[in-house]
Amino acid sequence: MTSVTLSNAITVIDERTFQGCSSLESVVIPNGVTTIGYDAFADCYGLASVTIPVSVTSLAYYAFENCYHISSLSLYGEGEWRGGTISILRPVSVSIGSEVTSVKGMYVKPSVVYCYAVTPPVCDANSFTDYSATLHVPAASLAAYQAAPYWQNFTNIVGDAVEALPGDVNGDSLVNISDLTLLIDYLMNNETTTIKETNADLNSDGNINIADVTALIDHLLTTSD
């Protein structure tokens, strides 16, 4: 098994679900998953990139333990990244969403970091193993990162980070029925409609299709409760 695309109906990835799947190279975690359990992807040595979607609110320790070949790590869940070795053998491109509040214990050597949180997430001595990479942060938060523990260790901090908002298809910084209408129009009109493609790829699989429409509907129904 080299790739996995999880169903949009899945909300929980239980502990040790994919542990030891050493040939697994890619996994699409849909927006809708709320929980990733302990050691869920541990020892998946071939895994190259991971995106934690905005729906994730519980990310257990060591979820990606010993995933030494990850080169791209995107954390968009709400709350804390609570530890576990991610990658110590190669530089990793790191993207941290605006709702993340803590990135303790990642043990990551970053090649570049984009952190979109207005308030610097809590770090510890084990968050990053190297500070020579460029750190991109929101312009209004530049001084805060320059003064924050561990973030201030980065030798080059730039205030130019603007976060893509999954589901914000029209780029107005809101996710609502207008985005759903535009996405459907885009798919029905031979892709001649102008959209924010990064925001429209809700399941982060590199394609914009009916699966993204379904994910956006699910998101709107969930947030309207």
N, C-alpha and C. Protein backbone atom coordinates (compact mmCIF):
# COMPACT_ATOMS: atom_id res chain seq x y z
N MET A 1 0.84 -1.20 0.00
CA MET A 1 0.00 0.00 0.00
C MET A 1 0.88 1.25 0.00
N THR A 2 0.77 2.04 -1.06
CA THR A 2 1.61 3.24 -1.17
C THR A 2 0.84 4.54 -0.96
N SER A 3 -0.49 4.51 -1.13
CA SER A 3 -1.27 5.73 -0.94
C SER A 3 -2.63 5.40 -0.36
N VAL A 4 -3.17 6.36 0.41
CA VAL A 4 -4.47 6.18 1.04
C VAL A 4 -5.25 7.49 0.93
N THR A 5 -6.49 7.41 0.47
CA THR A 5 -7.41 8.54 0.50
C THR A 5 -8.58 8.14 1.38
N LEU A 6 -8.70 8.79 2.51
CA LEU A 6 -9.72 8.42 3.48
C LEU A 6 -11.07 9.02 3.10
N SER A 7 -12.12 8.32 3.43
CA SER A 7 -13.48 8.77 3.14
C SER A 7 -13.81 10.04 3.91
N ASN A 8 -14.62 10.89 3.29
CA ASN A 8 -15.07 12.11 3.96
C ASN A 8 -15.96 11.81 5.17
N ALA A 9 -16.44 10.57 5.26
CA ALA A 9 -17.30 10.19 6.38
C ALA A 9 -16.51 9.88 7.64
N ILE A 10 -15.20 9.71 7.51
CA ILE A 10 -14.36 9.36 8.66
C ILE A 10 -14.10 10.58 9.53
N THR A 11 -14.31 10.42 10.82
CA THR A 11 -14.04 11.51 11.76
C THR A 11 -12.91 11.18 12.73
N VAL A 12 -12.60 9.90 12.88
CA VAL A 12 -11.56 9.48 13.82
C VAL A 12 -10.60 8.50 13.14
N ILE A 13 -9.30 8.77 13.26
CA ILE A 13 -8.27 7.82 12.86
C ILE A 13 -7.73 7.24 14.16
N ASP A 14 -8.10 6.01 14.45
CA ASP A 14 -7.78 5.41 15.74
C ASP A 14 -6.28 5.20 15.93
N GLU A 15 -5.88 4.99 17.17
CA GLU A 15 -4.47 4.77 17.47
C GLU A 15 -3.94 3.55 16.72
N ARG A 16 -2.72 3.71 16.19
CA ARG A 16 -1.98 2.65 15.50
C ARG A 16 -2.66 2.16 14.21
N THR A 17 -3.57 2.95 13.65
CA THR A 17 -4.29 2.51 12.45
C THR A 17 -3.34 2.15 11.31
N PHE A 18 -2.35 3.00 11.06
CA PHE A 18 -1.42 2.76 9.96
C PHE A 18 0.00 2.50 10.45
N GLN A 19 0.16 2.24 11.70
CA GLN A 19 1.49 2.02 12.25
C GLN A 19 2.22 0.90 11.51
N GLY A 20 3.45 1.18 11.09
CA GLY A 20 4.26 0.17 10.44
C GLY A 20 4.01 -0.02 8.96
N CYS A 21 3.16 0.85 8.36
CA CYS A 21 2.94 0.78 6.91
C CYS A 21 4.11 1.48 6.22
N SER A 22 5.23 0.77 6.15
CA SER A 22 6.49 1.39 5.73
C SER A 22 6.51 1.81 4.27
N SER A 23 5.61 1.26 3.44
CA SER A 23 5.57 1.63 2.02
C SER A 23 4.62 2.79 1.73
N LEU A 24 3.89 3.23 2.73
CA LEU A 24 2.92 4.32 2.54
C LEU A 24 3.65 5.62 2.24
N GLU A 25 3.35 6.20 1.07
CA GLU A 25 4.02 7.43 0.63
C GLU A 25 3.14 8.66 0.77
N SER A 26 1.83 8.50 0.64
CA SER A 26 0.95 9.66 0.73
C SER A 26 -0.37 9.26 1.36
N VAL A 27 -0.95 10.20 2.10
CA VAL A 27 -2.26 9.99 2.71
C VAL A 27 -3.03 11.29 2.64
N VAL A 28 -4.29 11.21 2.23
CA VAL A 28 -5.17 12.38 2.21
C VAL A 28 -6.10 12.28 3.42
N ILE A 29 -5.91 13.18 4.37
CA ILE A 29 -6.75 13.22 5.56
C ILE A 29 -7.84 14.27 5.29
N PRO A 30 -9.08 13.86 5.14
CA PRO A 30 -10.12 14.80 4.74
C PRO A 30 -10.49 15.79 5.83
N ASN A 31 -10.95 16.96 5.40
CA ASN A 31 -11.47 17.93 6.34
C ASN A 31 -12.78 17.35 6.88
N GLY A 32 -12.81 17.06 8.14
CA GLY A 32 -13.91 16.34 8.77
C GLY A 32 -13.39 15.40 9.83
N VAL A 33 -12.14 14.96 9.65
CA VAL A 33 -11.47 14.18 10.70
C VAL A 33 -11.21 15.10 11.89
N THR A 34 -11.64 14.68 13.06
CA THR A 34 -11.46 15.49 14.26
C THR A 34 -10.38 14.95 15.19
N THR A 35 -10.08 13.65 15.07
CA THR A 35 -9.16 13.01 16.01
C THR A 35 -8.18 12.10 15.28
N ILE A 36 -6.89 12.27 15.59
CA ILE A 36 -5.85 11.37 15.09
C ILE A 36 -5.18 10.77 16.32
N GLY A 37 -5.27 9.46 16.43
CA GLY A 37 -4.87 8.79 17.66
C GLY A 37 -3.38 8.54 17.82
N TYR A 38 -3.04 8.07 18.99
CA TYR A 38 -1.66 7.75 19.37
C TYR A 38 -1.05 6.76 18.37
N ASP A 39 0.14 7.11 17.86
CA ASP A 39 0.88 6.23 16.94
C ASP A 39 0.11 5.90 15.66
N ALA A 40 -0.84 6.73 15.28
CA ALA A 40 -1.71 6.41 14.13
C ALA A 40 -0.92 6.16 12.86
N PHE A 41 0.15 6.94 12.65
CA PHE A 41 0.99 6.78 11.45
C PHE A 41 2.44 6.49 11.82
N ALA A 42 2.66 6.01 13.00
CA ALA A 42 4.03 5.74 13.46
C ALA A 42 4.73 4.73 12.55
N ASP A 43 6.01 4.97 12.31
CA ASP A 43 6.86 4.06 11.53
C ASP A 43 6.43 3.94 10.07
N CYS A 44 5.75 4.97 9.55
CA CYS A 44 5.44 5.03 8.12
C CYS A 44 6.63 5.72 7.44
N TYR A 45 7.68 4.97 7.23
CA TYR A 45 8.97 5.54 6.83
C TYR A 45 8.92 6.22 5.46
N GLY A 46 8.01 5.79 4.57
CA GLY A 46 7.96 6.34 3.23
C GLY A 46 7.09 7.57 3.09
N LEU A 47 6.37 7.94 4.14
CA LEU A 47 5.45 9.07 4.06
C LEU A 47 6.21 10.36 3.80
N ALA A 48 5.81 11.08 2.73
CA ALA A 48 6.58 12.25 2.29
C ALA A 48 5.98 13.57 2.75
N SER A 49 4.66 13.65 2.86
CA SER A 49 4.04 14.90 3.27
C SER A 49 2.78 14.62 4.07
N VAL A 50 2.46 15.55 4.97
CA VAL A 50 1.29 15.39 5.83
C VAL A 50 0.61 16.74 5.96
N THR A 51 -0.72 16.74 5.78
CA THR A 51 -1.52 17.93 6.04
C THR A 51 -2.56 17.60 7.10
N ILE A 52 -2.51 18.31 8.21
CA ILE A 52 -3.50 18.15 9.26
C ILE A 52 -4.59 19.18 8.99
N PRO A 53 -5.82 18.76 8.62
CA PRO A 53 -6.85 19.72 8.22
C PRO A 53 -7.41 20.53 9.39
N VAL A 54 -8.17 21.56 9.05
CA VAL A 54 -8.69 22.48 10.06
C VAL A 54 -9.64 21.80 11.02
N SER A 55 -10.22 20.67 10.62
CA SER A 55 -11.22 20.02 11.46
C SER A 55 -10.62 19.29 12.65
N VAL A 56 -9.31 19.00 12.60
CA VAL A 56 -8.69 18.21 13.67
C VAL A 56 -8.58 19.04 14.94
N THR A 57 -9.17 18.52 16.02
CA THR A 57 -9.10 19.18 17.32
C THR A 57 -8.36 18.36 18.36
N SER A 58 -8.07 17.09 18.03
CA SER A 58 -7.34 16.22 18.96
C SER A 58 -6.27 15.44 18.19
N LEU A 59 -5.02 15.77 18.48
CA LEU A 59 -3.89 15.13 17.81
C LEU A 59 -3.01 14.50 18.88
N ALA A 60 -3.00 13.18 18.95
CA ALA A 60 -2.35 12.47 20.06
C ALA A 60 -0.84 12.48 19.93
N TYR A 61 -0.19 12.21 21.04
CA TYR A 61 1.26 12.08 21.05
C TYR A 61 1.72 11.00 20.06
N TYR A 62 2.86 11.28 19.42
CA TYR A 62 3.55 10.31 18.56
C TYR A 62 2.70 9.84 17.37
N ALA A 63 1.75 10.67 16.94
CA ALA A 63 0.89 10.30 15.81
C ALA A 63 1.72 10.02 14.56
N PHE A 64 2.85 10.72 14.40
CA PHE A 64 3.72 10.53 13.24
C PHE A 64 5.15 10.19 13.66
N GLU A 65 5.26 9.44 14.74
CA GLU A 65 6.56 9.02 15.26
C GLU A 65 7.35 8.24 14.20
N ASN A 66 8.62 8.61 14.04
CA ASN A 66 9.55 7.92 13.14
C ASN A 66 9.17 8.02 11.66
N CYS A 67 8.45 9.05 11.29
CA CYS A 67 8.18 9.30 9.86
C CYS A 67 9.32 10.15 9.32
N TYR A 68 10.46 9.51 9.14
CA TYR A 68 11.70 10.22 8.91
C TYR A 68 11.81 10.88 7.53
N HIS A 69 10.96 10.51 6.59
CA HIS A 69 11.10 11.03 5.24
C HIS A 69 10.08 12.11 4.90
N ILE A 70 9.34 12.56 5.87
CA ILE A 70 8.42 13.67 5.62
C ILE A 70 9.22 14.91 5.26
N SER A 71 8.86 15.55 4.14
CA SER A 71 9.53 16.78 3.73
C SER A 71 8.61 17.99 3.79
N SER A 72 7.31 17.74 3.99
CA SER A 72 6.33 18.83 4.06
C SER A 72 5.33 18.52 5.14
N LEU A 73 5.18 19.44 6.09
CA LEU A 73 4.28 19.25 7.22
C LEU A 73 3.39 20.47 7.35
N SER A 74 2.07 20.28 7.24
CA SER A 74 1.11 21.38 7.37
C SER A 74 0.17 21.09 8.53
N LEU A 75 0.14 22.00 9.49
CA LEU A 75 -0.69 21.84 10.69
C LEU A 75 -1.79 22.90 10.66
N TYR A 76 -3.03 22.47 10.37
CA TYR A 76 -4.13 23.42 10.32
C TYR A 76 -5.20 23.11 11.35
N GLY A 77 -4.96 22.15 12.22
CA GLY A 77 -5.93 21.85 13.26
C GLY A 77 -5.98 22.95 14.30
N GLU A 78 -7.06 22.93 15.07
CA GLU A 78 -7.25 23.92 16.12
C GLU A 78 -6.63 23.43 17.41
N GLY A 79 -5.87 24.29 18.09
CA GLY A 79 -5.34 23.94 19.39
C GLY A 79 -3.88 23.54 19.37
N GLU A 80 -3.54 22.44 20.05
CA GLU A 80 -2.15 22.10 20.32
C GLU A 80 -1.65 20.96 19.42
N TRP A 81 -0.41 21.15 18.94
CA TRP A 81 0.35 20.01 18.42
C TRP A 81 1.12 19.52 19.62
N ARG A 82 0.85 18.30 20.06
CA ARG A 82 1.26 17.91 21.40
C ARG A 82 2.42 16.95 21.46
N GLY A 83 3.28 16.96 20.45
CA GLY A 83 4.52 16.23 20.61
C GLY A 83 4.65 14.99 19.75
N GLY A 84 5.82 14.42 19.80
CA GLY A 84 6.12 13.24 19.01
C GLY A 84 7.09 13.58 17.91
N THR A 85 8.06 12.72 17.68
CA THR A 85 9.05 12.95 16.64
C THR A 85 8.39 12.98 15.27
N ILE A 86 8.66 13.99 14.48
CA ILE A 86 8.14 14.09 13.12
C ILE A 86 9.27 13.78 12.14
N SER A 87 10.32 14.54 12.17
CA SER A 87 11.42 14.30 11.25
C SER A 87 12.70 14.88 11.82
N ILE A 88 13.76 14.06 11.86
CA ILE A 88 15.03 14.56 12.35
C ILE A 88 16.15 14.30 11.35
N LEU A 89 15.81 13.63 10.22
CA LEU A 89 16.85 13.24 9.28
C LEU A 89 16.95 14.14 8.06
N ARG A 90 15.94 14.98 7.81
CA ARG A 90 15.98 15.84 6.64
C ARG A 90 15.20 17.11 6.94
N PRO A 91 15.54 18.22 6.26
CA PRO A 91 14.80 19.46 6.48
C PRO A 91 13.34 19.33 6.05
N VAL A 92 12.46 19.98 6.78
CA VAL A 92 11.03 19.89 6.54
C VAL A 92 10.45 21.29 6.32
N SER A 93 9.63 21.43 5.27
CA SER A 93 8.87 22.65 5.06
C SER A 93 7.65 22.61 5.98
N VAL A 94 7.52 23.61 6.85
CA VAL A 94 6.48 23.59 7.88
C VAL A 94 5.50 24.75 7.66
N SER A 95 4.21 24.42 7.68
CA SER A 95 3.16 25.43 7.60
C SER A 95 2.25 25.25 8.80
N ILE A 96 2.05 26.32 9.59
CA ILE A 96 1.29 26.25 10.83
C ILE A 96 0.10 27.19 10.73
N GLY A 97 -1.11 26.66 10.87
CA GLY A 97 -2.32 27.44 10.68
C GLY A 97 -2.61 28.42 11.81
N SER A 98 -3.54 29.31 11.55
CA SER A 98 -3.83 30.40 12.47
C SER A 98 -4.47 29.95 13.78
N GLU A 99 -5.06 28.73 13.81
CA GLU A 99 -5.74 28.27 15.02
C GLU A 99 -4.85 27.41 15.92
N VAL A 100 -3.63 27.14 15.49
CA VAL A 100 -2.71 26.33 16.29
C VAL A 100 -2.18 27.18 17.44
N THR A 101 -2.22 26.64 18.66
CA THR A 101 -1.78 27.40 19.83
C THR A 101 -0.49 26.86 20.44
N SER A 102 -0.09 25.64 20.08
CA SER A 102 1.10 25.05 20.67
C SER A 102 1.76 24.10 19.68
N VAL A 103 3.08 24.15 19.59
CA VAL A 103 3.84 23.26 18.72
C VAL A 103 4.99 22.61 19.50
N LYS A 104 4.68 22.15 20.68
CA LYS A 104 5.70 21.55 21.54
C LYS A 104 6.11 20.17 21.02
N GLY A 105 7.39 19.87 21.19
CA GLY A 105 7.88 18.52 21.00
C GLY A 105 7.83 17.98 19.58
N MET A 106 7.95 18.84 18.57
CA MET A 106 7.89 18.35 17.19
C MET A 106 9.21 17.75 16.73
N TYR A 107 10.32 18.21 17.26
CA TYR A 107 11.65 17.75 16.86
C TYR A 107 11.85 17.89 15.35
N VAL A 108 11.52 19.05 14.81
CA VAL A 108 11.59 19.29 13.37
C VAL A 108 12.78 20.18 13.03
N LYS A 109 13.50 19.80 11.97
CA LYS A 109 14.51 20.67 11.40
C LYS A 109 13.88 21.34 10.18
N PRO A 110 13.44 22.60 10.30
CA PRO A 110 12.70 23.21 9.20
C PRO A 110 13.60 23.73 8.08
N SER A 111 13.12 23.58 6.85
CA SER A 111 13.78 24.24 5.72
C SER A 111 13.19 25.62 5.52
N VAL A 112 11.91 25.79 5.89
CA VAL A 112 11.22 27.07 5.90
C VAL A 112 10.00 26.89 6.78
N VAL A 113 9.59 27.97 7.46
CA VAL A 113 8.41 27.90 8.32
C VAL A 113 7.47 29.04 7.96
N TYR A 114 6.21 28.70 7.71
CA TYR A 114 5.14 29.69 7.58
C TYR A 114 4.22 29.49 8.77
N CYS A 115 4.14 30.49 9.65
CA CYS A 115 3.26 30.41 10.81
C CYS A 115 2.24 31.55 10.71
N TYR A 116 0.95 31.20 10.61
CA TYR A 116 -0.09 32.19 10.35
C TYR A 116 -0.82 32.64 11.61
N ALA A 117 -0.43 32.10 12.75
CA ALA A 117 -1.08 32.47 14.01
C ALA A 117 -0.70 33.90 14.40
N VAL A 118 -1.70 34.70 14.74
CA VAL A 118 -1.44 36.09 15.15
C VAL A 118 -0.64 36.11 16.45
N THR A 119 -1.02 35.25 17.38
CA THR A 119 -0.27 35.09 18.63
C THR A 119 0.70 33.92 18.47
N PRO A 120 1.99 34.12 18.69
CA PRO A 120 2.95 33.01 18.51
C PRO A 120 2.55 31.78 19.32
N PRO A 121 2.42 30.63 18.68
CA PRO A 121 2.12 29.41 19.44
C PRO A 121 3.21 29.11 20.46
N VAL A 122 2.84 28.42 21.51
CA VAL A 122 3.80 28.05 22.55
C VAL A 122 4.80 27.04 21.98
N CYS A 123 6.07 27.31 22.19
CA CYS A 123 7.15 26.41 21.77
C CYS A 123 7.88 25.88 22.99
N ASP A 124 8.69 24.86 22.77
CA ASP A 124 9.63 24.44 23.80
C ASP A 124 10.96 24.12 23.14
N ALA A 125 11.93 23.68 23.91
CA ALA A 125 13.26 23.42 23.38
C ALA A 125 13.28 22.31 22.34
N ASN A 126 12.22 21.51 22.29
CA ASN A 126 12.16 20.40 21.35
C ASN A 126 11.26 20.66 20.14
N SER A 127 10.82 21.89 19.98
CA SER A 127 9.95 22.21 18.84
C SER A 127 10.72 22.18 17.54
N PHE A 128 11.85 22.86 17.51
CA PHE A 128 12.69 22.95 16.31
C PHE A 128 14.12 22.60 16.68
N THR A 129 14.78 21.85 15.80
CA THR A 129 16.16 21.47 16.06
C THR A 129 17.15 22.38 15.37
N ASP A 130 16.66 23.34 14.58
CA ASP A 130 17.53 24.26 13.84
C ASP A 130 16.76 25.56 13.62
N TYR A 131 17.45 26.68 13.68
CA TYR A 131 16.79 27.98 13.54
C TYR A 131 17.35 28.81 12.39
N SER A 132 18.03 28.15 11.46
CA SER A 132 18.63 28.89 10.35
C SER A 132 17.64 29.14 9.21
N ALA A 133 16.50 28.47 9.22
CA ALA A 133 15.49 28.66 8.17
C ALA A 133 14.80 30.00 8.32
N THR A 134 14.21 30.49 7.23
CA THR A 134 13.42 31.72 7.29
C THR A 134 12.06 31.43 7.89
N LEU A 135 11.65 32.26 8.83
CA LEU A 135 10.34 32.16 9.46
C LEU A 135 9.45 33.27 8.92
N HIS A 136 8.33 32.88 8.28
CA HIS A 136 7.36 33.84 7.74
C HIS A 136 6.17 33.91 8.68
N VAL A 137 5.82 35.13 9.10
CA VAL A 137 4.73 35.33 10.07
C VAL A 137 3.84 36.47 9.59
N PRO A 138 2.64 36.64 10.18
CA PRO A 138 1.80 37.78 9.80
C PRO A 138 2.51 39.11 10.07
N ALA A 139 2.32 40.07 9.19
CA ALA A 139 3.01 41.35 9.31
C ALA A 139 2.76 42.02 10.65
N ALA A 140 1.52 41.96 11.11
CA ALA A 140 1.17 42.62 12.37
C ALA A 140 1.77 41.94 13.59
N SER A 141 2.26 40.72 13.39
CA SER A 141 2.79 39.94 14.52
C SER A 141 4.31 39.83 14.52
N LEU A 142 4.96 40.54 13.62
CA LEU A 142 6.41 40.42 13.48
C LEU A 142 7.13 40.67 14.80
N ALA A 143 6.80 41.76 15.48
CA ALA A 143 7.47 42.09 16.75
C ALA A 143 7.20 41.03 17.81
N ALA A 144 5.99 40.47 17.81
CA ALA A 144 5.64 39.44 18.80
C ALA A 144 6.50 38.20 18.63
N TYR A 145 6.72 37.77 17.38
CA TYR A 145 7.54 36.60 17.14
C TYR A 145 9.01 36.89 17.44
N GLN A 146 9.44 38.10 17.17
CA GLN A 146 10.83 38.47 17.45
C GLN A 146 11.14 38.46 18.94
N ALA A 147 10.07 38.57 19.76
CA ALA A 147 10.26 38.59 21.21
C ALA A 147 9.84 37.29 21.89
N ALA A 148 9.17 36.39 21.17
CA ALA A 148 8.61 35.18 21.78
C ALA A 148 9.69 34.12 22.01
N PRO A 149 9.60 33.40 23.13
CA PRO A 149 10.57 32.33 23.40
C PRO A 149 10.65 31.33 22.26
N TYR A 150 11.86 31.00 21.89
CA TYR A 150 12.21 30.04 20.83
C TYR A 150 11.94 30.59 19.44
N TRP A 151 10.80 31.22 19.19
CA TRP A 151 10.59 31.84 17.88
C TRP A 151 11.67 32.88 17.62
N GLN A 152 12.06 33.60 18.66
CA GLN A 152 13.05 34.66 18.51
C GLN A 152 14.42 34.11 18.11
N ASN A 153 14.61 32.79 18.22
CA ASN A 153 15.89 32.19 17.86
C ASN A 153 16.11 32.10 16.35
N PHE A 154 15.03 32.22 15.57
CA PHE A 154 15.18 32.18 14.12
C PHE A 154 15.98 33.40 13.66
N THR A 155 16.97 33.15 12.83
CA THR A 155 17.87 34.23 12.42
C THR A 155 17.24 35.18 11.41
N ASN A 156 16.21 34.70 10.70
CA ASN A 156 15.55 35.55 9.71
C ASN A 156 14.04 35.41 9.86
N ILE A 157 13.37 36.46 10.36
CA ILE A 157 11.93 36.46 10.56
C ILE A 157 11.33 37.53 9.65
N VAL A 158 10.38 37.14 8.80
CA VAL A 158 9.81 38.05 7.80
C VAL A 158 8.31 38.15 8.03
N GLY A 159 7.78 39.35 8.02
CA GLY A 159 6.35 39.58 8.24
C GLY A 159 5.57 39.63 6.94
N ASP A 160 5.38 38.49 6.28
CA ASP A 160 4.69 38.48 4.99
C ASP A 160 3.73 37.31 4.84
N ALA A 161 3.38 36.62 5.92
CA ALA A 161 2.57 35.41 5.82
C ALA A 161 1.08 35.74 5.79
N VAL A 162 0.39 35.28 4.75
CA VAL A 162 -1.05 35.43 4.62
C VAL A 162 -1.63 34.04 4.40
N GLU A 163 -2.50 33.59 5.28
CA GLU A 163 -2.97 32.21 5.26
C GLU A 163 -4.08 31.99 4.23
N ALA A 164 -3.96 30.88 3.50
CA ALA A 164 -5.06 30.41 2.68
C ALA A 164 -6.14 29.86 3.61
N LEU A 165 -7.39 30.13 3.28
CA LEU A 165 -8.49 29.69 4.12
C LEU A 165 -9.29 28.62 3.39
N PRO A 166 -9.14 27.36 3.77
CA PRO A 166 -9.87 26.28 3.09
C PRO A 166 -11.37 26.56 3.05
N GLY A 167 -11.93 26.50 1.86
CA GLY A 167 -13.35 26.77 1.69
C GLY A 167 -13.68 28.17 1.25
N ASP A 168 -12.70 29.09 1.40
CA ASP A 168 -12.91 30.48 0.96
C ASP A 168 -12.66 30.57 -0.54
N VAL A 169 -13.56 30.02 -1.31
CA VAL A 169 -13.38 29.86 -2.75
C VAL A 169 -13.31 31.20 -3.47
N ASN A 170 -14.05 32.19 -2.98
CA ASN A 170 -14.07 33.50 -3.65
C ASN A 170 -13.06 34.49 -3.08
N GLY A 171 -12.34 34.10 -2.02
CA GLY A 171 -11.27 34.94 -1.50
C GLY A 171 -11.71 36.15 -0.71
N ASP A 172 -12.90 36.09 -0.10
CA ASP A 172 -13.37 37.25 0.67
C ASP A 172 -13.14 37.10 2.17
N SER A 173 -12.34 36.08 2.55
CA SER A 173 -11.98 35.80 3.95
C SER A 173 -13.15 35.26 4.77
N LEU A 174 -14.21 34.80 4.09
CA LEU A 174 -15.34 34.16 4.73
C LEU A 174 -15.60 32.82 4.04
N VAL A 175 -16.16 31.88 4.77
CA VAL A 175 -16.57 30.61 4.18
C VAL A 175 -18.08 30.49 4.36
N ASN A 176 -18.81 30.60 3.28
CA ASN A 176 -20.27 30.58 3.36
C ASN A 176 -20.87 30.03 2.07
N ILE A 177 -22.19 30.17 1.91
CA ILE A 177 -22.89 29.59 0.78
C ILE A 177 -22.43 30.18 -0.55
N SER A 178 -21.91 31.39 -0.53
CA SER A 178 -21.40 32.00 -1.76
C SER A 178 -20.21 31.21 -2.31
N ASP A 179 -19.41 30.68 -1.40
CA ASP A 179 -18.27 29.88 -1.84
C ASP A 179 -18.73 28.56 -2.46
N LEU A 180 -19.76 27.96 -1.89
CA LEU A 180 -20.30 26.72 -2.43
C LEU A 180 -20.87 26.95 -3.83
N THR A 181 -21.62 28.02 -3.99
CA THR A 181 -22.20 28.35 -5.29
C THR A 181 -21.12 28.56 -6.34
N LEU A 182 -20.06 29.27 -5.97
CA LEU A 182 -18.98 29.55 -6.91
C LEU A 182 -18.23 28.28 -7.28
N LEU A 183 -18.01 27.40 -6.31
CA LEU A 183 -17.30 26.15 -6.57
C LEU A 183 -18.09 25.27 -7.54
N ILE A 184 -19.39 25.19 -7.33
CA ILE A 184 -20.23 24.40 -8.24
C ILE A 184 -20.21 25.01 -9.64
N ASP A 185 -20.28 26.32 -9.72
CA ASP A 185 -20.23 27.00 -11.01
C ASP A 185 -18.91 26.72 -11.72
N TYR A 186 -17.83 26.71 -10.94
CA TYR A 186 -16.50 26.43 -11.49
C TYR A 186 -16.45 25.03 -12.13
N LEU A 187 -17.02 24.06 -11.45
CA LEU A 187 -16.97 22.68 -11.95
C LEU A 187 -17.93 22.46 -13.13
N MET A 188 -19.02 23.20 -13.17
CA MET A 188 -20.02 23.01 -14.21
C MET A 188 -19.74 23.80 -15.48
N ASN A 189 -18.86 24.77 -15.39
CA ASN A 189 -18.61 25.65 -16.52
C ASN A 189 -17.19 25.51 -17.07
N ASN A 190 -16.76 24.27 -17.12
CA ASN A 190 -15.47 23.95 -17.73
C ASN A 190 -14.31 24.74 -17.15
N GLU A 191 -14.42 25.02 -15.86
CA GLU A 191 -13.32 25.65 -15.12
C GLU A 191 -12.96 27.04 -15.66
N THR A 192 -13.94 27.73 -16.23
CA THR A 192 -13.69 29.09 -16.72
C THR A 192 -13.92 30.13 -15.63
N THR A 193 -14.58 29.73 -14.55
CA THR A 193 -14.84 30.63 -13.44
C THR A 193 -13.56 30.84 -12.63
N THR A 194 -13.33 32.07 -12.18
CA THR A 194 -12.14 32.38 -11.39
C THR A 194 -12.39 32.06 -9.92
N ILE A 195 -11.50 31.25 -9.35
CA ILE A 195 -11.60 30.90 -7.93
C ILE A 195 -10.21 30.93 -7.31
N LYS A 196 -10.19 30.86 -5.97
CA LYS A 196 -8.95 30.67 -5.24
C LYS A 196 -8.70 29.16 -5.14
N GLU A 197 -7.86 28.65 -6.03
CA GLU A 197 -7.73 27.20 -6.18
C GLU A 197 -7.19 26.52 -4.91
N THR A 198 -6.24 27.15 -4.24
CA THR A 198 -5.70 26.55 -3.02
C THR A 198 -6.80 26.40 -1.97
N ASN A 199 -7.65 27.40 -1.84
CA ASN A 199 -8.74 27.35 -0.87
C ASN A 199 -9.82 26.35 -1.26
N ALA A 200 -9.97 26.12 -2.58
CA ALA A 200 -11.03 25.25 -3.07
C ALA A 200 -10.69 23.77 -2.93
N ASP A 201 -9.42 23.45 -2.79
CA ASP A 201 -9.00 22.05 -2.65
C ASP A 201 -9.12 21.66 -1.18
N LEU A 202 -10.35 21.46 -0.72
CA LEU A 202 -10.59 21.25 0.70
C LEU A 202 -10.00 19.97 1.24
N ASN A 203 -9.91 18.94 0.42
CA ASN A 203 -9.36 17.68 0.91
C ASN A 203 -7.86 17.53 0.65
N SER A 204 -7.26 18.59 0.11
CA SER A 204 -5.80 18.67 -0.06
C SER A 204 -5.23 17.51 -0.87
N ASP A 205 -5.98 17.09 -1.92
CA ASP A 205 -5.48 15.99 -2.74
C ASP A 205 -4.88 16.47 -4.06
N GLY A 206 -4.80 17.79 -4.22
CA GLY A 206 -4.21 18.35 -5.43
C GLY A 206 -5.18 18.49 -6.59
N ASN A 207 -6.45 18.11 -6.39
CA ASN A 207 -7.47 18.21 -7.44
C ASN A 207 -8.69 18.95 -6.90
N ILE A 208 -9.39 19.62 -7.80
CA ILE A 208 -10.64 20.28 -7.42
C ILE A 208 -11.77 19.56 -8.13
N ASN A 209 -12.62 18.90 -7.35
CA ASN A 209 -13.68 18.09 -7.94
C ASN A 209 -14.85 17.98 -6.98
N ILE A 210 -15.76 17.05 -7.28
CA ILE A 210 -16.99 16.92 -6.49
C ILE A 210 -16.70 16.58 -5.03
N ALA A 211 -15.57 15.93 -4.78
CA ALA A 211 -15.21 15.61 -3.39
C ALA A 211 -15.04 16.89 -2.57
N ASP A 212 -14.53 17.95 -3.21
CA ASP A 212 -14.35 19.22 -2.51
C ASP A 212 -15.70 19.89 -2.26
N VAL A 213 -16.64 19.72 -3.19
CA VAL A 213 -18.00 20.23 -2.98
C VAL A 213 -18.62 19.56 -1.76
N THR A 214 -18.47 18.24 -1.70
CA THR A 214 -19.01 17.49 -0.56
C THR A 214 -18.37 17.94 0.75
N ALA A 215 -17.06 18.12 0.73
CA ALA A 215 -16.35 18.57 1.93
C ALA A 215 -16.81 19.95 2.37
N LEU A 216 -17.06 20.84 1.40
CA LEU A 216 -17.50 22.19 1.73
C LEU A 216 -18.93 22.18 2.29
N ILE A 217 -19.79 21.33 1.72
CA ILE A 217 -21.15 21.20 2.25
C ILE A 217 -21.10 20.70 3.70
N ASP A 218 -20.29 19.68 3.93
CA ASP A 218 -20.15 19.14 5.29
C ASP A 218 -19.67 20.21 6.25
N HIS A 219 -18.69 21.02 5.79
CA HIS A 219 -18.15 22.08 6.63
C HIS A 219 -19.23 23.12 6.96
N LEU A 220 -20.01 23.52 5.96
CA LEU A 220 -21.05 24.52 6.19
C LEU A 220 -22.14 24.00 7.11
N LEU A 221 -22.50 22.72 6.95
CA LEU A 221 -23.52 22.14 7.83
C LEU A 221 -23.02 22.04 9.26
N THR A 222 -21.73 21.71 9.41
CA THR A 222 -21.16 21.59 10.75
C THR A 222 -21.09 22.93 11.45
N THR A 223 -20.64 23.96 10.75
CA THR A 223 -20.46 25.28 11.37
C THR A 223 -21.77 26.01 11.58
N SER A 224 -22.84 25.54 10.95
CA SER A 224 -24.13 26.20 11.11
C SER A 224 -24.92 25.65 12.29
N ASP A 225 -24.39 24.56 12.92
CA ASP A 225 -25.09 23.97 14.06
C ASP A 225 -25.12 24.92 15.26
